[in-house]
N, C-alpha and C. Protein backbone atom coordinates (compact mmCIF):
# COMPACT_ATOMS: atom_id res chain seq x y z
N MET A 1 -11.86 -4.63 4.22
CA MET A 1 -11.81 -3.18 4.15
C MET A 1 -10.94 -2.79 2.95
N GLU A 2 -11.50 -2.09 2.03
CA GLU A 2 -10.74 -1.64 0.86
C GLU A 2 -9.90 -0.42 1.19
N GLN A 3 -8.76 -0.31 0.55
CA GLN A 3 -7.89 0.85 0.70
C GLN A 3 -7.93 1.61 -0.62
N HIS A 4 -8.13 2.94 -0.54
CA HIS A 4 -8.27 3.77 -1.73
C HIS A 4 -7.18 4.82 -1.80
N CYS A 5 -6.88 5.22 -3.03
CA CYS A 5 -5.91 6.28 -3.27
C CYS A 5 -6.50 7.61 -2.79
N PRO A 6 -5.75 8.37 -1.98
CA PRO A 6 -6.26 9.66 -1.53
C PRO A 6 -6.28 10.72 -2.64
N HIS A 7 -5.62 10.45 -3.77
CA HIS A 7 -5.56 11.41 -4.87
C HIS A 7 -6.75 11.26 -5.82
N CYS A 8 -7.08 10.01 -6.18
CA CYS A 8 -8.12 9.79 -7.19
C CYS A 8 -9.23 8.85 -6.73
N ASN A 9 -9.12 8.32 -5.53
CA ASN A 9 -10.10 7.43 -4.93
C ASN A 9 -10.19 6.05 -5.60
N ALA A 10 -9.22 5.70 -6.43
CA ALA A 10 -9.20 4.36 -7.03
C ALA A 10 -8.83 3.34 -5.96
N ARG A 11 -9.32 2.12 -6.13
CA ARG A 11 -9.01 1.07 -5.17
C ARG A 11 -7.56 0.62 -5.36
N LEU A 12 -6.80 0.66 -4.25
CA LEU A 12 -5.41 0.22 -4.29
C LEU A 12 -5.31 -1.28 -4.03
N PHE A 13 -5.96 -1.73 -2.97
CA PHE A 13 -5.99 -3.15 -2.64
C PHE A 13 -7.22 -3.39 -1.77
N ALA A 14 -7.77 -4.57 -1.88
CA ALA A 14 -9.07 -4.85 -1.28
C ALA A 14 -9.01 -5.39 0.13
N ASP A 15 -7.94 -6.05 0.51
CA ASP A 15 -7.96 -6.71 1.81
C ASP A 15 -7.60 -5.80 2.97
N GLY A 16 -7.37 -4.52 2.71
CA GLY A 16 -7.06 -3.57 3.77
C GLY A 16 -5.60 -3.42 4.07
N ARG A 17 -4.81 -4.35 3.57
CA ARG A 17 -3.37 -4.24 3.80
C ARG A 17 -2.63 -5.01 2.72
N ILE A 18 -1.37 -4.69 2.58
CA ILE A 18 -0.50 -5.38 1.64
C ILE A 18 0.43 -6.25 2.46
N ASP A 19 0.50 -7.51 2.16
CA ASP A 19 1.42 -8.40 2.85
C ASP A 19 2.66 -8.54 1.96
N PRO A 20 3.84 -8.14 2.42
CA PRO A 20 5.02 -8.18 1.56
C PRO A 20 5.35 -9.57 1.04
N ARG A 21 4.99 -10.63 1.78
CA ARG A 21 5.26 -11.98 1.30
C ARG A 21 4.36 -12.38 0.14
N ALA A 22 3.26 -11.66 -0.08
CA ALA A 22 2.33 -11.99 -1.15
C ALA A 22 2.77 -11.42 -2.50
N PHE A 23 3.78 -10.55 -2.50
CA PHE A 23 4.21 -9.95 -3.76
C PHE A 23 4.69 -11.01 -4.72
N GLY A 24 4.36 -10.83 -5.97
CA GLY A 24 4.71 -11.79 -6.99
C GLY A 24 3.56 -12.75 -7.28
N GLU A 25 2.61 -12.86 -6.36
CA GLU A 25 1.45 -13.72 -6.55
C GLU A 25 0.52 -13.11 -7.59
N ASP A 26 0.25 -11.82 -7.48
CA ASP A 26 -0.65 -11.12 -8.39
C ASP A 26 0.14 -9.98 -9.03
N PRO A 27 0.37 -10.02 -10.33
CA PRO A 27 1.18 -8.96 -10.97
C PRO A 27 0.53 -7.58 -10.89
N ARG A 28 -0.76 -7.50 -10.60
CA ARG A 28 -1.44 -6.20 -10.48
C ARG A 28 -1.34 -5.62 -9.09
N ALA A 29 -0.86 -6.38 -8.12
CA ALA A 29 -0.76 -5.91 -6.74
C ALA A 29 0.28 -4.80 -6.64
N PRO A 30 -0.01 -3.74 -5.87
CA PRO A 30 0.98 -2.67 -5.72
C PRO A 30 2.20 -3.17 -4.95
N ARG A 31 3.33 -2.62 -5.27
CA ARG A 31 4.57 -3.00 -4.59
C ARG A 31 5.02 -1.85 -3.70
N VAL A 32 5.49 -2.19 -2.54
CA VAL A 32 5.98 -1.19 -1.60
C VAL A 32 7.37 -0.75 -2.03
N GLU A 33 7.53 0.55 -2.17
CA GLU A 33 8.84 1.16 -2.47
C GLU A 33 9.26 1.93 -1.23
N HIS A 34 10.55 2.08 -1.04
CA HIS A 34 11.06 2.80 0.12
C HIS A 34 11.90 3.98 -0.33
N ALA A 35 11.69 5.11 0.33
CA ALA A 35 12.48 6.32 0.12
C ALA A 35 12.93 6.77 1.50
N GLY A 36 14.10 6.35 1.88
CA GLY A 36 14.55 6.63 3.24
C GLY A 36 13.70 5.86 4.23
N ALA A 37 13.15 6.56 5.21
CA ALA A 37 12.30 5.93 6.21
C ALA A 37 10.85 5.81 5.75
N LEU A 38 10.50 6.44 4.63
CA LEU A 38 9.12 6.43 4.15
C LEU A 38 8.89 5.24 3.22
N ALA A 39 7.66 4.73 3.25
CA ALA A 39 7.26 3.66 2.34
C ALA A 39 6.05 4.16 1.56
N TYR A 40 5.95 3.74 0.30
CA TYR A 40 4.82 4.15 -0.51
C TYR A 40 4.54 3.12 -1.59
N VAL A 41 3.34 3.18 -2.15
CA VAL A 41 2.97 2.39 -3.32
C VAL A 41 2.56 3.38 -4.40
N THR A 42 2.64 2.98 -5.64
CA THR A 42 2.21 3.82 -6.75
C THR A 42 0.80 3.41 -7.14
N CYS A 43 -0.11 4.37 -7.18
CA CYS A 43 -1.50 4.09 -7.55
C CYS A 43 -1.53 3.62 -9.00
N PRO A 44 -2.18 2.48 -9.28
CA PRO A 44 -2.24 1.99 -10.66
C PRO A 44 -3.13 2.85 -11.56
N ALA A 45 -4.03 3.65 -10.97
CA ALA A 45 -4.94 4.47 -11.76
C ALA A 45 -4.35 5.83 -12.14
N CYS A 46 -3.77 6.53 -11.15
CA CYS A 46 -3.29 7.90 -11.41
C CYS A 46 -1.77 8.03 -11.35
N ALA A 47 -1.08 6.96 -10.98
CA ALA A 47 0.38 6.91 -10.91
C ALA A 47 0.98 7.83 -9.85
N GLN A 48 0.18 8.29 -8.91
CA GLN A 48 0.69 9.12 -7.81
C GLN A 48 1.19 8.22 -6.69
N PRO A 49 2.22 8.64 -5.97
CA PRO A 49 2.67 7.84 -4.83
C PRO A 49 1.69 8.00 -3.66
N VAL A 50 1.46 6.90 -2.96
CA VAL A 50 0.57 6.89 -1.80
C VAL A 50 1.37 6.34 -0.64
N ARG A 51 1.49 7.14 0.43
CA ARG A 51 2.26 6.70 1.60
C ARG A 51 1.56 5.55 2.30
N VAL A 52 2.33 4.57 2.71
CA VAL A 52 1.82 3.45 3.49
C VAL A 52 2.70 3.31 4.72
N GLU A 53 2.16 2.62 5.73
CA GLU A 53 2.94 2.39 6.94
C GLU A 53 2.84 0.92 7.33
N ALA A 54 3.87 0.46 7.97
CA ALA A 54 3.91 -0.94 8.39
C ALA A 54 2.93 -1.16 9.53
N ALA A 55 2.29 -2.31 9.52
CA ALA A 55 1.37 -2.72 10.58
C ALA A 55 1.68 -4.17 10.91
N VAL A 56 1.88 -4.45 12.18
CA VAL A 56 2.19 -5.81 12.61
C VAL A 56 0.89 -6.60 12.65
N THR A 57 0.89 -7.78 12.04
CA THR A 57 -0.28 -8.66 12.04
C THR A 57 0.12 -9.99 12.65
N GLU A 58 -0.85 -10.87 12.80
CA GLU A 58 -0.55 -12.20 13.35
C GLU A 58 0.35 -13.03 12.43
N THR A 59 0.39 -12.67 11.15
CA THR A 59 1.24 -13.40 10.20
C THR A 59 2.53 -12.68 9.87
N GLY A 60 2.79 -11.54 10.50
CA GLY A 60 4.02 -10.80 10.23
C GLY A 60 3.73 -9.33 10.02
N THR A 61 4.48 -8.68 9.16
CA THR A 61 4.31 -7.26 8.88
C THR A 61 3.55 -7.08 7.58
N ALA A 62 2.59 -6.17 7.60
CA ALA A 62 1.83 -5.82 6.41
C ALA A 62 1.87 -4.30 6.29
N TYR A 63 1.25 -3.75 5.25
CA TYR A 63 1.22 -2.30 5.03
C TYR A 63 -0.21 -1.84 4.84
N VAL A 64 -0.51 -0.66 5.40
CA VAL A 64 -1.82 -0.03 5.24
C VAL A 64 -1.60 1.40 4.75
N VAL A 65 -2.59 2.00 4.11
CA VAL A 65 -2.49 3.39 3.65
C VAL A 65 -2.31 4.29 4.86
N SER A 66 -1.33 5.15 4.81
CA SER A 66 -1.04 6.06 5.91
C SER A 66 -2.02 7.23 5.91
N HIS A 67 -2.47 7.59 7.10
CA HIS A 67 -3.35 8.75 7.22
C HIS A 67 -2.57 9.98 7.64
N ASP A 68 -1.26 9.81 7.80
CA ASP A 68 -0.38 10.92 8.15
C ASP A 68 -0.05 11.68 6.86
N ARG A 69 -0.51 12.91 6.74
CA ARG A 69 -0.31 13.69 5.52
C ARG A 69 1.01 14.44 5.51
N LYS A 70 1.85 14.30 6.55
CA LYS A 70 3.12 15.03 6.61
C LYS A 70 4.12 14.46 5.67
């Protein structure tokens, strides 16, 4: 499942989630930034921040694009 930027519809990441342990493997992969309790990635196409939320997986914690617009 691909994840897309809600601002410009560019593909953020293809596997549906970002695994924090995978960072550094692919220099083009978005990195999760934290601002207080919020987490976000910067869209590589439009440079807008996109909110993400933690999701527990069988291999640990990953991140998916948040559908909460608040």
